[in-house]
Amino acid sequence: MASKRTYRQPRKKKSIFLRIALAVFAVYTIVMLIQLQMEINAKEKDLADLQQLQSQLSAENDSMEQQLETPEQIQQDNAYDSGYIHPGQEVYVETPK
């Protein structure tokens, strides 16, 4: 039997510059992801605040709309204040055709 000789190939030294560049890139990527996540959280908080403000203003707007008088109510109030009708009397408005 013939003995087989195995030759090891010499190991190539990996460039230290490549390792450093890869590490810097990895750190940069992680820092950017963390920064973006913090910005997203801040914007979500702002959105929640604005949605709450919008609902408050919408409720206030609805309340104010309920307090507004209709044109018919304004006409009845003016007629009553002028003495043209009595309380409880119905006013009929004729509209042109």
C-alpha atoms as a PDB file:
ATOM      1  CA  MET A   1       0.000   0.000   0.000  1.00  0.00           C
ATOM      2  CA  ALA A   2       1.173   3.295  -0.891  1.00  0.00           C
ATOM      3  CA  SER A   3       0.818   5.939   1.685  1.00  0.00           C
ATOM      4  CA  LYS A   4      -1.119   8.932   0.640  1.00  0.00           C
ATOM      5  CA  ARG A   5       0.311  12.235   1.447  1.00  0.00           C
ATOM      6  CA  THR A   6      -2.031  15.072   2.067  1.00  0.00           C
ATOM      7  CA  TYR A   7      -0.761  18.486   1.519  1.00  0.00           C
ATOM      8  CA  ARG A   8      -2.243  21.299   3.438  1.00  0.00           C
ATOM      9  CA  GLN A   9      -2.804  24.390   1.532  1.00  0.00           C
ATOM     10  CA  PRO A  10      -1.350  27.377   3.251  1.00  0.00           C
ATOM     11  CA  ARG A  11      -3.957  29.504   4.988  1.00  0.00           C
ATOM     12  CA  LYS A  12      -4.478  32.861   3.481  1.00  0.00           C
ATOM     13  CA  LYS A  13      -4.396  35.612   6.003  1.00  0.00           C
ATOM     14  CA  LYS A  14      -7.628  37.499   5.903  1.00  0.00           C
ATOM     15  CA  SER A  15      -7.116  41.164   5.618  1.00  0.00           C
ATOM     16  CA  ILE A  16      -7.440  42.979   8.924  1.00  0.00           C
ATOM     17  CA  PHE A  17      -8.718  45.984   6.997  1.00  0.00           C
ATOM     18  CA  LEU A  18     -11.612  43.922   5.650  1.00  0.00           C
ATOM     19  CA  ARG A  19     -12.529  42.739   9.137  1.00  0.00           C
ATOM     20  CA  ILE A  20     -12.441  46.276  10.529  1.00  0.00           C
ATOM     21  CA  ALA A  21     -14.524  47.593   7.628  1.00  0.00           C
ATOM     22  CA  LEU A  22     -17.078  44.828   8.152  1.00  0.00           C
ATOM     23  CA  ALA A  23     -17.262  45.538  11.900  1.00  0.00           C
ATOM     24  CA  VAL A  24     -17.689  49.287  11.295  1.00  0.00           C
ATOM     25  CA  PHE A  25     -20.433  48.613   8.766  1.00  0.00           C
ATOM     26  CA  ALA A  26     -22.230  46.296  11.179  1.00  0.00           C
ATOM     27  CA  VAL A  27     -22.051  48.845  14.015  1.00  0.00           C
ATOM     28  CA  TYR A  28     -23.235  51.627  11.690  1.00  0.00           C
ATOM     29  CA  THR A  29     -26.176  49.510  10.523  1.00  0.00           C
ATOM     30  CA  ILE A  30     -27.200  48.674  14.087  1.00  0.00           C
ATOM     31  CA  VAL A  31     -26.961  52.315  15.178  1.00  0.00           C
ATOM     32  CA  MET A  32     -29.048  53.452  12.213  1.00  0.00           C
ATOM     33  CA  LEU A  33     -31.719  50.822  12.904  1.00  0.00           C
ATOM     34  CA  ILE A  34     -31.939  51.903  16.538  1.00  0.00           C
ATOM     35  CA  GLN A  35     -32.155  55.567  15.525  1.00  0.00           C
ATOM     36  CA  LEU A  36     -34.900  54.835  12.996  1.00  0.00           C
ATOM     37  CA  GLN A  37     -36.851  52.831  15.576  1.00  0.00           C
ATOM     38  CA  MET A  38     -36.630  55.731  18.020  1.00  0.00           C
ATOM     39  CA  GLU A  39     -37.911  58.114  15.322  1.00  0.00           C
ATOM     40  CA  ILE A  40     -40.775  55.741  14.528  1.00  0.00           C
ATOM     41  CA  ASN A  41     -41.739  55.585  18.218  1.00  0.00           C
ATOM     42  CA  ALA A  42     -41.667  59.395  18.461  1.00  0.00           C
ATOM     43  CA  LYS A  43     -43.824  59.778  15.352  1.00  0.00           C
ATOM     44  CA  GLU A  44     -46.300  57.176  16.627  1.00  0.00           C
ATOM     45  CA  LYS A  45     -46.604  59.141  19.873  1.00  0.00           C
ATOM     46  CA  ASP A  46     -47.160  62.350  17.893  1.00  0.00           C
ATOM     47  CA  LEU A  47     -49.798  60.584  15.801  1.00  0.00           C
ATOM     48  CA  ALA A  48     -51.596  59.342  18.910  1.00  0.00           C
ATOM     49  CA  ASP A  49     -51.557  62.859  20.382  1.00  0.00           C
ATOM     50  CA  LEU A  50     -52.915  64.345  17.160  1.00  0.00           C
ATOM     51  CA  GLN A  51     -55.641  61.712  16.923  1.00  0.00           C
ATOM     52  CA  GLN A  52     -56.698  62.476  20.487  1.00  0.00           C
ATOM     53  CA  LEU A  53     -56.746  66.205  19.715  1.00  0.00           C
ATOM     54  CA  GLN A  54     -58.759  65.540  16.564  1.00  0.00           C
ATOM     55  CA  SER A  55     -61.362  63.561  18.497  1.00  0.00           C
ATOM     56  CA  GLN A  56     -61.613  66.308  21.118  1.00  0.00           C
ATOM     57  CA  LEU A  57     -62.042  68.974  18.453  1.00  0.00           C
ATOM     58  CA  SER A  58     -64.575  66.846  16.610  1.00  0.00           C
ATOM     59  CA  ALA A  59     -66.626  66.463  19.796  1.00  0.00           C
ATOM     60  CA  GLU A  60     -66.389  70.213  20.420  1.00  0.00           C
ATOM     61  CA  ASN A  61     -67.447  70.878  16.831  1.00  0.00           C
ATOM     62  CA  ASP A  62     -70.460  68.589  17.182  1.00  0.00           C
ATOM     63  CA  SER A  63     -71.417  70.368  20.383  1.00  0.00           C
ATOM     64  CA  MET A  64     -71.197  73.747  18.675  1.00  0.00           C
ATOM     65  CA  GLU A  65     -73.236  72.524  15.698  1.00  0.00           C
ATOM     66  CA  GLN A  66     -76.015  71.449  18.049  1.00  0.00           C
ATOM     67  CA  GLN A  67     -76.059  74.924  19.560  1.00  0.00           C
ATOM     68  CA  LEU A  68     -76.470  76.601  16.175  1.00  0.00           C
ATOM     69  CA  GLU A  69     -79.940  77.646  15.297  1.00  0.00           C
ATOM     70  CA  THR A  70     -81.590  76.564  12.097  1.00  0.00           C
ATOM     71  CA  PRO A  71     -82.776  79.242   9.669  1.00  0.00           C
ATOM     72  CA  GLU A  72     -86.359  78.406  10.601  1.00  0.00           C
ATOM     73  CA  GLN A  73     -85.589  78.874  14.293  1.00  0.00           C
ATOM     74  CA  ILE A  74     -83.928  82.217  13.596  1.00  0.00           C
ATOM     75  CA  GLN A  75     -86.939  83.340  11.588  1.00  0.00           C
ATOM     76  CA  GLN A  76     -89.333  82.280  14.344  1.00  0.00           C
ATOM     77  CA  ASP A  77     -87.247  84.054  16.990  1.00  0.00           C
ATOM     78  CA  ASN A  78     -87.153  87.263  14.943  1.00  0.00           C
ATOM     79  CA  ALA A  79     -90.893  87.133  14.319  1.00  0.00           C
ATOM     80  CA  TYR A  80     -91.560  86.514  18.015  1.00  0.00           C
ATOM     81  CA  ASP A  81     -89.219  89.339  19.044  1.00  0.00           C
ATOM     82  CA  SER A  82     -90.980  91.656  16.571  1.00  0.00           C
ATOM     83  CA  GLY A  83     -94.373  90.694  17.925  1.00  0.00           C
ATOM     84  CA  TYR A  84     -95.661  89.001  14.791  1.00  0.00           C
ATOM     85  CA  ILE A  85     -96.417  85.642  16.401  1.00  0.00           C
ATOM     86  CA  HIS A  86     -97.274  84.330  19.797  1.00  0.00           C
ATOM     87  CA  PRO A  87     -95.494  81.581  21.700  1.00  0.00           C
ATOM     88  CA  GLY A  88     -96.508  78.127  20.474  1.00  0.00           C
ATOM     89  CA  GLN A  89     -97.838  79.482  17.204  1.00  0.00           C
ATOM     90  CA  GLU A  90     -96.513  77.730  14.094  1.00  0.00           C
ATOM     91  CA  VAL A  91     -94.940  79.712  11.295  1.00  0.00           C
ATOM     92  CA  TYR A  92     -95.427  78.585   7.709  1.00  0.00           C
ATOM     93  CA  VAL A  93     -92.914  79.749   5.161  1.00  0.00           C
ATOM     94  CA  GLU A  94     -93.977  79.956   1.545  1.00  0.00           C
ATOM     95  CA  THR A  95     -91.286  79.015  -0.897  1.00  0.00           C
ATOM     96  CA  PRO A  96     -91.464  80.161  -4.519  1.00  0.00           C
ATOM     97  CA  LYS A  97     -91.803  77.456  -7.159  1.00  0.00           C
END
